[in-house]
Amino acid sequence: MPDRRGTRRFPLCEEVKYRLLHSKATNITGAGKTLNIASGGILFTTEQKLPLGRMVELSVNWPARLDGTCALKFVAVGRVVRSEADRAAVIIERYDFKTRGMGASASGT
């Protein structure tokens, strides 16, 4: 079966923290590892099954450094489009790069 994705996925194994947004009943947060990433989405491991269709914020330690010295994190907000007991796929709706330990923005959409 051919891959229906329009963008190429890149393997990336980095720490990710996630937080379910707009959750009144429960505060779902957790940590895992990224499995792959593309311009439109990210696949990562989870500590529990995330609810389909819900918005989630992801924070990924980014492997590249700004100017070769400053550690970055990739912060994205997106919708859960696939979820299993130990992994989830999220379509990225917006993202930003931030310096780790600081709130300054480097770039994004």
C-alpha atoms as a PDB file:
ATOM      1  CA  MET A   1       0.000   0.000   0.000  1.00  0.00           C
ATOM      2  CA  PRO A   2       1.509   3.355  -0.990  1.00  0.00           C
ATOM      3  CA  ASP A   3       2.239   6.036   1.618  1.00  0.00           C
ATOM      4  CA  ARG A   4      -0.461   8.731   1.420  1.00  0.00           C
ATOM      5  CA  ARG A   5       1.551  11.385   3.246  1.00  0.00           C
ATOM      6  CA  GLY A   6       2.504  14.397   1.163  1.00  0.00           C
ATOM      7  CA  THR A   7       5.705  15.130   3.050  1.00  0.00           C
ATOM      8  CA  ARG A   8       8.791  13.098   3.816  1.00  0.00           C
ATOM      9  CA  ARG A   9       9.224  11.778   7.368  1.00  0.00           C
ATOM     10  CA  PHE A  10      12.595  11.925   9.095  1.00  0.00           C
ATOM     11  CA  PRO A  11      13.601   9.580  11.905  1.00  0.00           C
ATOM     12  CA  LEU A  12      14.241  11.558  15.063  1.00  0.00           C
ATOM     13  CA  CYS A  13      14.671  10.073  18.541  1.00  0.00           C
ATOM     14  CA  GLU A  14      14.575  12.909  21.059  1.00  0.00           C
ATOM     15  CA  GLU A  15      12.832  13.486  24.387  1.00  0.00           C
ATOM     16  CA  VAL A  16       9.299  14.882  24.067  1.00  0.00           C
ATOM     17  CA  LYS A  17       6.957  16.238  26.715  1.00  0.00           C
ATOM     18  CA  TYR A  18       3.263  16.533  25.935  1.00  0.00           C
ATOM     19  CA  ARG A  19       0.263  18.232  27.508  1.00  0.00           C
ATOM     20  CA  LEU A  20      -3.365  17.905  26.497  1.00  0.00           C
ATOM     21  CA  LEU A  21      -4.891  21.369  25.988  1.00  0.00           C
ATOM     22  CA  HIS A  22      -8.367  22.557  26.987  1.00  0.00           C
ATOM     23  CA  SER A  23      -8.964  19.535  29.197  1.00  0.00           C
ATOM     24  CA  LYS A  24     -11.548  20.272  31.899  1.00  0.00           C
ATOM     25  CA  ALA A  25     -11.917  16.768  33.316  1.00  0.00           C
ATOM     26  CA  THR A  26      -8.276  15.785  33.663  1.00  0.00           C
ATOM     27  CA  ASN A  27      -4.785  17.163  33.246  1.00  0.00           C
ATOM     28  CA  ILE A  28      -3.119  14.713  30.846  1.00  0.00           C
ATOM     29  CA  THR A  29       0.627  15.204  30.621  1.00  0.00           C
ATOM     30  CA  GLY A  30       3.507  12.871  29.965  1.00  0.00           C
ATOM     31  CA  ALA A  31       6.838  12.242  28.353  1.00  0.00           C
ATOM     32  CA  GLY A  32       8.125  10.004  25.599  1.00  0.00           C
ATOM     33  CA  LYS A  33      10.439   9.892  22.603  1.00  0.00           C
ATOM     34  CA  THR A  34       9.908  11.128  19.078  1.00  0.00           C
ATOM     35  CA  LEU A  35       9.845   8.375  16.442  1.00  0.00           C
ATOM     36  CA  ASN A  36       9.701  10.514  13.310  1.00  0.00           C
ATOM     37  CA  ILE A  37       8.851  14.035  12.243  1.00  0.00           C
ATOM     38  CA  ALA A  38       7.732  15.771   9.050  1.00  0.00           C
ATOM     39  CA  SER A  39       6.801  19.340   8.210  1.00  0.00           C
ATOM     40  CA  GLY A  40       3.158  18.535   8.910  1.00  0.00           C
ATOM     41  CA  GLY A  41       3.268  16.096  11.796  1.00  0.00           C
ATOM     42  CA  ILE A  42       5.072  14.127  14.461  1.00  0.00           C
ATOM     43  CA  LEU A  43       4.896  10.540  15.735  1.00  0.00           C
ATOM     44  CA  PHE A  44       5.981   9.932  19.334  1.00  0.00           C
ATOM     45  CA  THR A  45       5.710   7.458  22.197  1.00  0.00           C
ATOM     46  CA  THR A  46       3.265   8.156  25.034  1.00  0.00           C
ATOM     47  CA  GLU A  47       2.629   7.013  28.583  1.00  0.00           C
ATOM     48  CA  GLN A  48      -1.095   6.546  27.880  1.00  0.00           C
ATOM     49  CA  LYS A  49      -3.529   6.581  24.975  1.00  0.00           C
ATOM     50  CA  LEU A  50      -4.331  10.161  23.972  1.00  0.00           C
ATOM     51  CA  PRO A  51      -7.893  11.069  22.938  1.00  0.00           C
ATOM     52  CA  LEU A  52      -8.395  11.408  19.164  1.00  0.00           C
ATOM     53  CA  GLY A  53      -9.181  14.872  17.873  1.00  0.00           C
ATOM     54  CA  ARG A  54      -7.889  16.676  20.949  1.00  0.00           C
ATOM     55  CA  MET A  55      -5.333  19.461  20.879  1.00  0.00           C
ATOM     56  CA  VAL A  56      -1.945  18.760  22.430  1.00  0.00           C
ATOM     57  CA  GLU A  57       1.175  20.832  23.074  1.00  0.00           C
ATOM     58  CA  LEU A  58       4.508  19.125  22.407  1.00  0.00           C
ATOM     59  CA  SER A  59       7.964  20.191  23.538  1.00  0.00           C
ATOM     60  CA  VAL A  60      10.911  18.427  21.867  1.00  0.00           C
ATOM     61  CA  ASN A  61      14.588  18.846  22.687  1.00  0.00           C
ATOM     62  CA  TRP A  62      15.926  19.813  19.262  1.00  0.00           C
ATOM     63  CA  PRO A  63      19.197  18.151  18.155  1.00  0.00           C
ATOM     64  CA  ALA A  64      20.590  21.218  16.340  1.00  0.00           C
ATOM     65  CA  ARG A  65      21.890  24.277  18.173  1.00  0.00           C
ATOM     66  CA  LEU A  66      21.371  27.938  17.326  1.00  0.00           C
ATOM     67  CA  ASP A  67      24.698  29.386  16.110  1.00  0.00           C
ATOM     68  CA  GLY A  68      26.254  26.043  17.085  1.00  0.00           C
ATOM     69  CA  THR A  69      26.062  26.825  20.807  1.00  0.00           C
ATOM     70  CA  CYS A  70      22.544  27.606  22.060  1.00  0.00           C
ATOM     71  CA  ALA A  71      20.317  24.584  22.873  1.00  0.00           C
ATOM     72  CA  LEU A  72      16.831  24.731  21.327  1.00  0.00           C
ATOM     73  CA  LYS A  73      13.461  23.143  21.887  1.00  0.00           C
ATOM     74  CA  PHE A  74      10.732  22.702  19.286  1.00  0.00           C
ATOM     75  CA  VAL A  75       7.322  23.622  20.730  1.00  0.00           C
ATOM     76  CA  ALA A  76       4.280  22.642  18.659  1.00  0.00           C
ATOM     77  CA  VAL A  77       0.508  22.601  19.023  1.00  0.00           C
ATOM     78  CA  GLY A  78      -1.516  20.141  17.006  1.00  0.00           C
ATOM     79  CA  ARG A  79      -4.392  17.689  16.858  1.00  0.00           C
ATOM     80  CA  VAL A  80      -4.152  13.983  17.729  1.00  0.00           C
ATOM     81  CA  VAL A  81      -4.994  12.057  14.541  1.00  0.00           C
ATOM     82  CA  ARG A  82      -3.826   8.578  15.561  1.00  0.00           C
ATOM     83  CA  SER A  83      -3.498   7.097  19.026  1.00  0.00           C
ATOM     84  CA  GLU A  84      -2.510   3.742  20.461  1.00  0.00           C
ATOM     85  CA  ALA A  85      -1.692   2.665  24.021  1.00  0.00           C
ATOM     86  CA  ASP A  86       1.960   3.673  23.675  1.00  0.00           C
ATOM     87  CA  ARG A  87       2.188   6.142  20.764  1.00  0.00           C
ATOM     88  CA  ALA A  88       0.370   8.991  19.046  1.00  0.00           C
ATOM     89  CA  ALA A  89       0.504  10.953  15.805  1.00  0.00           C
ATOM     90  CA  VAL A  90      -0.205  14.679  15.794  1.00  0.00           C
ATOM     91  CA  ILE A  91      -0.818  17.030  12.863  1.00  0.00           C
ATOM     92  CA  ILE A  92       1.098  20.229  13.613  1.00  0.00           C
ATOM     93  CA  GLU A  93      -1.025  23.387  13.410  1.00  0.00           C
ATOM     94  CA  ARG A  94       1.568  25.840  14.710  1.00  0.00           C
ATOM     95  CA  TYR A  95       5.096  25.679  16.059  1.00  0.00           C
ATOM     96  CA  ASP A  96       7.959  27.739  17.427  1.00  0.00           C
ATOM     97  CA  PHE A  97      11.623  27.216  18.258  1.00  0.00           C
ATOM     98  CA  LYS A  98      12.646  28.441  21.699  1.00  0.00           C
ATOM     99  CA  THR A  99      15.938  28.485  23.504  1.00  0.00           C
ATOM    100  CA  ARG A 100      16.023  25.913  26.288  1.00  0.00           C
ATOM    101  CA  GLY A 101      15.686  27.500  29.681  1.00  0.00           C
ATOM    102  CA  MET A 102      14.540  30.808  28.187  1.00  0.00           C
ATOM    103  CA  GLY A 103      11.349  32.020  26.517  1.00  0.00           C
ATOM    104  CA  ALA A 104      12.943  33.837  23.563  1.00  0.00           C
ATOM    105  CA  SER A 105      11.620  32.827  20.163  1.00  0.00           C
ATOM    106  CA  ALA A 106      13.999  31.963  17.339  1.00  0.00           C
ATOM    107  CA  SER A 107      11.547  31.397  14.444  1.00  0.00           C
ATOM    108  CA  GLY A 108       8.303  29.646  13.529  1.00  0.00           C
ATOM    109  CA  THR A 109       4.917  29.977  11.904  1.00  0.00           C
END
